[in-house]
C-alpha atoms as a PDB file:
ATOM      1  CA  MET A   1      42.256 -43.298 -29.885  1.00  0.00           C
ATOM      2  CA  HIS A   2      44.450 -46.267 -30.623  1.00  0.00           C
ATOM      3  CA  ASP A   3      47.772 -47.445 -29.248  1.00  0.00           C
ATOM      4  CA  TYR A   4      49.996 -49.369 -31.626  1.00  0.00           C
ATOM      5  CA  THR A   5      53.069 -51.401 -30.690  1.00  0.00           C
ATOM      6  CA  VAL A   6      55.986 -52.577 -32.817  1.00  0.00           C
ATOM      7  CA  ARG A   7      57.209 -56.030 -31.884  1.00  0.00           C
ATOM      8  CA  VAL A   8      60.508 -57.110 -33.350  1.00  0.00           C
ATOM      9  CA  ARG A   9      60.701 -60.857 -33.767  1.00  0.00           C
ATOM     10  CA  PRO A  10      63.895 -61.948 -35.514  1.00  0.00           C
ATOM     11  CA  ASN A  11      62.303 -65.383 -36.047  1.00  0.00           C
ATOM     12  CA  SER A  12      58.655 -64.493 -36.565  1.00  0.00           C
ATOM     13  CA  GLY A  13      58.399 -60.933 -37.882  1.00  0.00           C
ATOM     14  CA  TRP A  14      57.658 -57.486 -36.499  1.00  0.00           C
ATOM     15  CA  THR A  15      54.273 -56.154 -35.507  1.00  0.00           C
ATOM     16  CA  ILE A  16      53.704 -52.428 -35.367  1.00  0.00           C
ATOM     17  CA  LEU A  17      51.070 -50.657 -33.470  1.00  0.00           C
ATOM     18  CA  VAL A  18      50.997 -46.952 -33.846  1.00  0.00           C
ATOM     19  CA  GLY A  19      49.823 -44.703 -31.077  1.00  0.00           C
ATOM     20  CA  LEU A  20      48.168 -41.299 -31.419  1.00  0.00           C
ATOM     21  CA  VAL A  21      47.908 -38.309 -29.133  1.00  0.00           C
ATOM     22  CA  ALA A  22      45.260 -35.565 -29.177  1.00  0.00           C
ATOM     23  CA  VAL A  23      45.818 -32.254 -27.454  1.00  0.00           C
ATOM     24  CA  ALA A  24      43.216 -30.676 -25.214  1.00  0.00           C
ATOM     25  CA  VAL A  25      43.275 -27.355 -23.387  1.00  0.00           C
ATOM     26  CA  VAL A  26      41.454 -27.000 -20.069  1.00  0.00           C
ATOM     27  CA  ALA A  27      40.676 -23.598 -18.609  1.00  0.00           C
ATOM     28  CA  VAL A  28      40.361 -23.215 -14.869  1.00  0.00           C
ATOM     29  CA  VAL A  29      38.039 -20.463 -13.733  1.00  0.00           C
ATOM     30  CA  GLY A  30      37.930 -19.067 -10.222  1.00  0.00           C
ATOM     31  CA  PHE A  31      34.587 -18.673  -8.520  1.00  0.00           C
ATOM     32  CA  ARG A  32      33.362 -15.563  -6.740  1.00  0.00           C
ATOM     33  CA  SER A  33      30.184 -14.910  -4.878  1.00  0.00           C
ATOM     34  CA  VAL A  34      27.486 -13.600  -7.242  1.00  0.00           C
ATOM     35  CA  PRO A  35      26.297 -10.150  -6.173  1.00  0.00           C
ATOM     36  CA  GLN A  36      22.618  -9.964  -5.432  1.00  0.00           C
ATOM     37  CA  GLY A  37      20.490  -7.822  -7.727  1.00  0.00           C
ATOM     38  CA  PRO A  38      18.594  -4.830  -6.511  1.00  0.00           C
ATOM     39  CA  ALA A  39      15.417  -5.373  -4.592  1.00  0.00           C
ATOM     40  CA  GLY A  40      12.563  -6.414  -6.809  1.00  0.00           C
ATOM     41  CA  SER A  41      14.835  -7.701  -9.633  1.00  0.00           C
ATOM     42  CA  SER A  42      15.038 -11.137 -11.258  1.00  0.00           C
ATOM     43  CA  SER A  43      17.531 -12.722 -13.678  1.00  0.00           C
ATOM     44  CA  THR A  44      18.266 -15.732 -15.851  1.00  0.00           C
ATOM     45  CA  ILE A  45      21.516 -17.663 -16.311  1.00  0.00           C
ATOM     46  CA  ALA A  46      22.308 -18.332 -19.984  1.00  0.00           C
ATOM     47  CA  THR A  47      24.570 -21.219 -21.074  1.00  0.00           C
ATOM     48  CA  LEU A  48      26.571 -20.900 -24.288  1.00  0.00           C
ATOM     49  CA  ARG A  49      27.734 -23.927 -26.254  1.00  0.00           C
ATOM     50  CA  VAL A  50      30.680 -23.742 -28.681  1.00  0.00           C
ATOM     51  CA  VAL A  51      31.909 -26.155 -31.318  1.00  0.00           C
ATOM     52  CA  PRO A  52      34.596 -28.603 -30.083  1.00  0.00           C
ATOM     53  CA  THR A  53      38.186 -27.594 -30.793  1.00  0.00           C
ATOM     54  CA  LEU A  54      39.866 -30.862 -29.857  1.00  0.00           C
ATOM     55  CA  ARG A  55      42.072 -32.177 -32.689  1.00  0.00           C
ATOM     56  CA  THR A  56      42.117 -35.905 -33.334  1.00  0.00           C
ATOM     57  CA  VAL A  57      43.863 -38.339 -35.629  1.00  0.00           C
ATOM     58  CA  THR A  58      43.135 -42.040 -36.104  1.00  0.00           C
ATOM     59  CA  VAL A  59      45.314 -44.855 -37.398  1.00  0.00           C
ATOM     60  CA  SER A  60      44.399 -48.206 -38.940  1.00  0.00           C
ATOM     61  CA  PRO A  61      44.779 -51.148 -39.046  1.00  0.00           C
ATOM     62  CA  GLY A  62      45.308 -51.913 -35.392  1.00  0.00           C
ATOM     63  CA  THR A  63      48.069 -54.417 -36.073  1.00  0.00           C
ATOM     64  CA  THR A  64      50.474 -55.112 -38.919  1.00  0.00           C
ATOM     65  CA  THR A  65      53.696 -57.057 -39.386  1.00  0.00           C
ATOM     66  CA  PHE A  66      57.188 -56.103 -40.496  1.00  0.00           C
ATOM     67  CA  ALA A  67      58.515 -58.140 -43.410  1.00  0.00           C
ATOM     68  CA  ARG A  68      60.728 -57.470 -46.450  1.00  0.00           C
ATOM     69  CA  CYS A  69      63.815 -57.752 -44.230  1.00  0.00           C
ATOM     70  CA  HIS A  70      67.289 -57.746 -45.748  1.00  0.00           C
ATOM     71  CA  GLY A  71      70.858 -56.765 -44.916  1.00  0.00           C
ATOM     72  CA  GLY A  72      73.298 -57.823 -42.238  1.00  0.00           C
ATOM     73  CA  LYS A  73      76.193 -60.251 -42.602  1.00  0.00           C
ATOM     74  CA  ARG A  74      76.687 -63.930 -41.955  1.00  0.00           C
ATOM     75  CA  PRO A  75      76.064 -65.518 -39.529  1.00  0.00           C
ATOM     76  CA  LEU A  76      73.528 -62.822 -38.548  1.00  0.00           C
ATOM     77  CA  ARG A  77      72.148 -61.960 -41.972  1.00  0.00           C
ATOM     78  CA  SER A  78      68.459 -60.949 -42.073  1.00  0.00           C
ATOM     79  CA  THR A  79      65.791 -63.409 -43.109  1.00  0.00           C
ATOM     80  CA  ARG A  80      62.616 -62.310 -44.890  1.00  0.00           C
ATOM     81  CA  THR A  81      60.826 -61.724 -41.572  1.00  0.00           C
ATOM     82  CA  ALA A  82      63.697 -61.236 -39.113  1.00  0.00           C
ATOM     83  CA  LEU A  83      66.108 -58.335 -38.642  1.00  0.00           C
ATOM     84  CA  GLY A  84      69.812 -59.137 -38.923  1.00  0.00           C
ATOM     85  CA  TYR A  85      73.069 -57.460 -37.882  1.00  0.00           C
ATOM     86  CA  PRO A  86      74.751 -55.165 -38.621  1.00  0.00           C
ATOM     87  CA  ASN A  87      72.156 -52.615 -39.765  1.00  0.00           C
ATOM     88  CA  GLY A  88      69.556 -54.967 -41.176  1.00  0.00           C
ATOM     89  CA  ARG A  89      66.420 -53.368 -42.579  1.00  0.00           C
ATOM     90  CA  CYS A  90      62.756 -54.355 -42.304  1.00  0.00           C
ATOM     91  CA  SER A  91      59.721 -52.528 -43.619  1.00  0.00           C
ATOM     92  CA  ILE A  92      55.968 -52.404 -43.485  1.00  0.00           C
ATOM     93  CA  GLY A  93      54.953 -51.773 -47.076  1.00  0.00           C
ATOM     94  CA  SER A  94      57.137 -50.700 -49.967  1.00  0.00           C
ATOM     95  CA  ARG A  95      57.413 -47.316 -51.647  1.00  0.00           C
ATOM     96  CA  LYS A  96      58.959 -48.893 -54.754  1.00  0.00           C
ATOM     97  CA  GLN A  97      56.045 -51.307 -55.105  1.00  0.00           C
ATOM     98  CA  LYS A  98      53.512 -48.657 -53.973  1.00  0.00           C
ATOM     99  CA  VAL A  99      52.342 -50.611 -50.934  1.00  0.00           C
ATOM    100  CA  PHE A 100      51.278 -48.426 -47.983  1.00  0.00           C
ATOM    101  CA  PRO A 101      49.463 -50.493 -45.312  1.00  0.00           C
ATOM    102  CA  ILE A 102      48.993 -47.820 -42.610  1.00  0.00           C
ATOM    103  CA  LYS A 103      46.158 -45.285 -42.977  1.00  0.00           C
ATOM    104  CA  ILE A 104      46.288 -42.057 -40.956  1.00  0.00           C
ATOM    105  CA  THR A 105      43.109 -39.966 -40.961  1.00  0.00           C
ATOM    106  CA  ASN A 106      42.892 -36.429 -39.623  1.00  0.00           C
ATOM    107  CA  GLY A 107      39.833 -35.021 -37.826  1.00  0.00           C
ATOM    108  CA  LYS A 108      39.540 -31.214 -37.901  1.00  0.00           C
ATOM    109  CA  GLN A 109      42.115 -29.193 -39.822  1.00  0.00           C
ATOM    110  CA  ALA A 110      45.397 -29.692 -37.994  1.00  0.00           C
ATOM    111  CA  LYS A 111      49.150 -29.879 -38.200  1.00  0.00           C
ATOM    112  CA  ILE A 112      50.243 -33.531 -38.086  1.00  0.00           C
ATOM    113  CA  LEU A 113      53.407 -34.399 -36.162  1.00  0.00           C
ATOM    114  CA  VAL A 114      54.981 -37.830 -35.699  1.00  0.00           C
ATOM    115  CA  ARG A 115      57.584 -39.334 -33.359  1.00  0.00           C
ATOM    116  CA  THR A 116      58.912 -42.706 -32.232  1.00  0.00           C
ATOM    117  CA  SER A 117      59.725 -44.158 -28.833  1.00  0.00           C
ATOM    118  CA  PHE A 118      62.784 -46.138 -27.780  1.00  0.00           C
ATOM    119  CA  ALA A 119      62.794 -49.812 -28.729  1.00  0.00           C
ATOM    120  CA  VAL A 120      62.331 -51.835 -25.533  1.00  0.00           C
ATOM    121  CA  PRO A 121      63.424 -55.506 -25.313  1.00  0.00           C
ATOM    122  CA  SER A 122      61.062 -58.100 -23.875  1.00  0.00           C
ATOM    123  CA  ASP A 123      63.387 -58.731 -20.915  1.00  0.00           C
ATOM    124  CA  GLY A 124      63.360 -55.037 -19.954  1.00  0.00           C
ATOM    125  CA  GLY A 125      67.103 -54.720 -20.565  1.00  0.00           C
ATOM    126  CA  THR A 126      69.122 -52.264 -22.649  1.00  0.00           C
ATOM    127  CA  GLU A 127      66.940 -50.259 -25.033  1.00  0.00           C
ATOM    128  CA  TRP A 128      67.715 -49.190 -28.574  1.00  0.00           C
ATOM    129  CA  ARG A 129      67.565 -45.430 -29.028  1.00  0.00           C
ATOM    130  CA  PRO A 130      66.547 -43.717 -32.265  1.00  0.00           C
ATOM    131  CA  CYS A 131      69.110 -41.698 -34.172  1.00  0.00           C
ATOM    132  CA  ASN A 132      68.962 -39.568 -37.300  1.00  0.00           C
ATOM    133  CA  LEU A 133      70.706 -39.689 -40.658  1.00  0.00           C
ATOM    134  CA  GLY A 134      71.958 -36.706 -42.642  1.00  0.00           C
ATOM    135  CA  PRO A 135      74.282 -33.756 -41.986  1.00  0.00           C
ATOM    136  CA  HIS A 136      72.248 -32.121 -39.192  1.00  0.00           C
ATOM    137  CA  PRO A 137      70.854 -34.930 -36.995  1.00  0.00           C
ATOM    138  CA  VAL A 138      68.869 -34.298 -33.836  1.00  0.00           C
ATOM    139  CA  PHE A 139      70.567 -37.409 -32.399  1.00  0.00           C
ATOM    140  CA  ALA A 140      73.585 -38.595 -34.406  1.00  0.00           C
ATOM    141  CA  CYS A 141      74.025 -42.210 -35.479  1.00  0.00           C
ATOM    142  CA  ARG A 142      77.395 -43.531 -34.274  1.00  0.00           C
ATOM    143  CA  GLY A 143      77.862 -46.481 -36.640  1.00  0.00           C
ATOM    144  CA  SER A 144      79.948 -46.956 -39.761  1.00  0.00           C
ATOM    145  CA  SER A 145      79.086 -44.634 -42.686  1.00  0.00           C
ATOM    146  CA  GLY A 146      76.668 -42.701 -40.485  1.00  0.00           C
ATOM    147  CA  LEU A 147      74.380 -45.694 -39.889  1.00  0.00           C
ATOM    148  CA  PRO A 148      72.998 -46.663 -36.457  1.00  0.00           C
ATOM    149  CA  GLY A 149      75.647 -47.801 -33.994  1.00  0.00           C
ATOM    150  CA  ARG A 150      75.378 -50.142 -31.048  1.00  0.00           C
ATOM    151  CA  ASP A 151      71.887 -50.052 -29.487  1.00  0.00           C
ATOM    152  CA  GLN A 152      70.665 -47.456 -32.016  1.00  0.00           C
ATOM    153  CA  PHE A 153      68.051 -47.611 -34.777  1.00  0.00           C
ATOM    154  CA  VAL A 154      66.468 -45.385 -37.416  1.00  0.00           C
ATOM    155  CA  MET A 155      62.700 -45.308 -37.987  1.00  0.00           C
ATOM    156  CA  GLU A 156      61.431 -43.710 -41.215  1.00  0.00           C
ATOM    157  CA  ASN A 157      57.890 -43.231 -42.479  1.00  0.00           C
ATOM    158  CA  PHE A 158      57.100 -42.949 -46.179  1.00  0.00           C
ATOM    159  CA  SER A 159      54.217 -42.469 -48.597  1.00  0.00           C
ATOM    160  CA  LEU A 160      53.734 -42.220 -52.337  1.00  0.00           C
ATOM    161  CA  SER A 161      54.563 -38.505 -52.257  1.00  0.00           C
ATOM    162  CA  ALA A 162      57.447 -38.361 -49.756  1.00  0.00           C
ATOM    163  CA  GLN A 163      59.868 -40.260 -47.515  1.00  0.00           C
ATOM    164  CA  ASN A 164      61.388 -39.119 -44.250  1.00  0.00           C
ATOM    165  CA  PRO A 165      65.105 -39.132 -45.165  1.00  0.00           C
ATOM    166  CA  VAL A 166      66.550 -38.636 -41.682  1.00  0.00           C
ATOM    167  CA  GLY A 167      64.334 -40.701 -39.358  1.00  0.00           C
ATOM    168  CA  LEU A 168      61.895 -39.926 -36.575  1.00  0.00           C
ATOM    169  CA  THR A 169      62.977 -38.513 -33.227  1.00  0.00           C
ATOM    170  CA  ALA A 170      61.981 -39.386 -29.678  1.00  0.00           C
ATOM    171  CA  GLN A 171      62.742 -38.416 -26.067  1.00  0.00           C
ATOM    172  CA  SER A 172      65.729 -36.232 -25.364  1.00  0.00           C
ATOM    173  CA  PHE A 173      68.580 -38.315 -23.931  1.00  0.00           C
ATOM    174  CA  ARG A 174      69.265 -35.739 -21.217  1.00  0.00           C
ATOM    175  CA  LYS A 175      65.644 -34.932 -20.380  1.00  0.00           C
ATOM    176  CA  LEU A 176      63.604 -38.072 -20.804  1.00  0.00           C
ATOM    177  CA  SER A 177      60.427 -36.159 -20.008  1.00  0.00           C
ATOM    178  CA  THR A 178      60.991 -33.944 -23.070  1.00  0.00           C
ATOM    179  CA  LEU A 179      59.483 -35.292 -26.285  1.00  0.00           C
ATOM    180  CA  THR A 180      60.610 -34.128 -29.704  1.00  0.00           C
ATOM    181  CA  SER A 181      58.103 -34.435 -32.543  1.00  0.00           C
ATOM    182  CA  GLY A 182      58.731 -33.767 -36.212  1.00  0.00           C
ATOM    183  CA  CYS A 183      56.420 -32.641 -38.964  1.00  0.00           C
ATOM    184  CA  ASP A 184      54.905 -35.559 -40.878  1.00  0.00           C
ATOM    185  CA  ALA A 185      55.939 -34.482 -44.373  1.00  0.00           C
ATOM    186  CA  GLU A 186      53.612 -37.089 -45.868  1.00  0.00           C
ATOM    187  CA  PHE A 187      50.754 -34.689 -45.011  1.00  0.00           C
ATOM    188  CA  GLY A 188      52.538 -31.720 -46.577  1.00  0.00           C
ATOM    189  CA  PRO A 189      55.555 -32.325 -48.826  1.00  0.00           C
ATOM    190  CA  SER A 190      56.246 -28.567 -48.765  1.00  0.00           C
ATOM    191  CA  GLY A 191      57.069 -28.871 -45.065  1.00  0.00           C
ATOM    192  CA  ASP A 192      53.935 -27.423 -43.436  1.00  0.00           C
ATOM    193  CA  CYS A 193      52.436 -30.885 -42.588  1.00  0.00           C
ATOM    194  CA  LEU A 194      49.001 -29.254 -42.620  1.00  0.00           C
ATOM    195  CA  ALA A 195      46.098 -31.686 -42.985  1.00  0.00           C
ATOM    196  CA  SER A 196      42.646 -30.523 -44.034  1.00  0.00           C
ATOM    197  CA  THR A 197      39.514 -31.739 -42.256  1.00  0.00           C
ATOM    198  CA  GLY A 198      39.035 -35.450 -42.916  1.00  0.00           C
ATOM    199  CA  GLN A 199      42.237 -35.772 -44.957  1.00  0.00           C
ATOM    200  CA  SER A 200      43.880 -39.197 -44.888  1.00  0.00           C
ATOM    201  CA  GLU A 201      47.243 -40.508 -46.028  1.00  0.00           C
ATOM    202  CA  ARG A 202      48.547 -44.022 -46.506  1.00  0.00           C
ATOM    203  CA  GLU A 203      52.062 -44.659 -45.218  1.00  0.00           C
ATOM    204  CA  GLY A 204      54.653 -47.355 -44.730  1.00  0.00           C
ATOM    205  CA  ILE A 205      57.445 -47.750 -42.175  1.00  0.00           C
ATOM    206  CA  LEU A 206      61.130 -48.581 -42.602  1.00  0.00           C
ATOM    207  CA  LEU A 207      63.370 -49.600 -39.698  1.00  0.00           C
ATOM    208  CA  ILE A 208      67.180 -49.694 -39.915  1.00  0.00           C
ATOM    209  CA  GLY A 209      68.582 -51.733 -37.058  1.00  0.00           C
ATOM    210  CA  PRO A 210      71.709 -51.277 -34.930  1.00  0.00           C
ATOM    211  CA  SER A 211      75.227 -52.386 -35.743  1.00  0.00           C
ATOM    212  CA  SER A 212      74.995 -54.615 -32.659  1.00  0.00           C
ATOM    213  CA  SER A 213      72.868 -55.045 -29.546  1.00  0.00           C
ATOM    214  CA  ARG A 214      73.888 -55.549 -25.937  1.00  0.00           C
ATOM    215  CA  ASP A 215      70.544 -57.230 -25.278  1.00  0.00           C
ATOM    216  CA  ASN A 216      69.896 -60.683 -26.721  1.00  0.00           C
ATOM    217  CA  SER A 217      66.095 -60.474 -26.689  1.00  0.00           C
ATOM    218  CA  THR A 218      64.299 -61.687 -29.802  1.00  0.00           C
ATOM    219  CA  THR A 219      61.227 -59.477 -29.248  1.00  0.00           C
ATOM    220  CA  TRP A 220      61.275 -55.690 -29.042  1.00  0.00           C
ATOM    221  CA  THR A 221      58.518 -53.088 -28.695  1.00  0.00           C
ATOM    222  CA  VAL A 222      58.456 -49.564 -30.113  1.00  0.00           C
ATOM    223  CA  THR A 223      55.589 -47.066 -30.348  1.00  0.00           C
ATOM    224  CA  ILE A 224      55.069 -44.547 -33.138  1.00  0.00           C
ATOM    225  CA  THR A 225      52.827 -41.621 -32.280  1.00  0.00           C
ATOM    226  CA  TRP A 226      50.966 -39.289 -34.624  1.00  0.00           C
ATOM    227  CA  ILE A 227      49.852 -35.994 -33.047  1.00  0.00           C
ATOM    228  CA  ALA A 228      47.203 -33.547 -34.287  1.00  0.00           C
ATOM    229  CA  MET A 229      48.046 -29.966 -33.322  1.00  0.00           C
ATOM    230  CA  PRO A 230      46.173 -26.720 -34.095  1.00  0.00           C
ATOM    231  CA  ALA A 231      47.333 -25.233 -37.395  1.00  0.00           C
ATOM    232  CA  GLY A 232      50.086 -22.676 -36.846  1.00  0.00           C
ATOM    233  CA  SER A 233      51.337 -24.271 -33.596  1.00  0.00           C
ATOM    234  CA  GLY A 234      54.927 -25.393 -33.108  1.00  0.00           C
ATOM    235  CA  GLY A 235      56.152 -28.969 -33.048  1.00  0.00           C
END
C-alpha cells in the first residue's frame, strides 16, 4: 500500500501523494477444551485453506506535482505553479487535454470509494476543510457564488469518462473520528463504482482554493484515499 501527500507550494508547485486503505475482517474464536475420544480411538486434525478475501487498490506514480494554476485577483493572482486567492485553481492533469497522470488499479472485484483529508499547513496552524459544491452538499461552501470560503477548499477527481462535480468529502466536523467516503464515479459512471478484478482507471485532480486563509504558510499537505470495499457494501 502507498501513502500519497499533496504539498501546496504557492511558489514551487503542489505535490500530491494519494493514500489507499484496504479493509480486513478478523474473526475471534473462543477456545474450549477438546473432549477426549472414547477409549481405543484416534483422530486427525484437518486444516482448511480458503482463498484470500482482502480487497486492495494501488495508486501510481508515488509523487506528482500540481500545475496549470489560474484564478485569483491581483496582488494574489495564481501563477502557473502556485495557487492564488480568492478561489484559485490548480490541477494535476487536464480533462480537456485528456491528460490523466494518476493510475488507480483494483485488485479483486470491489467497490471503489474515495475521500480527502483536511489540508494541513506546514506550521501546524489553521487547516483548510473540504466543502462541496451543488444544491445538496455534505459540507456547504461558504464563499461567494457557492465557492469555498475562508479556510475551505474543494477537491475533485476526474477521468475521461466522468468528473466529480461536487468535490470529495472528509471527516465530519462534529465527529472527527467519523470518515465519510464517496463512490468514485470514475470506476462506474452509472453510480455503482464497481471495479472488476484488475480494472484500472487513469484520473486527474482539481483543487479549488479558499477565498482567504488565516494561515500564511506556503506549503500545505492533504491526503486523498482510495478504498476497496466488498461489492454490495455501503460507503
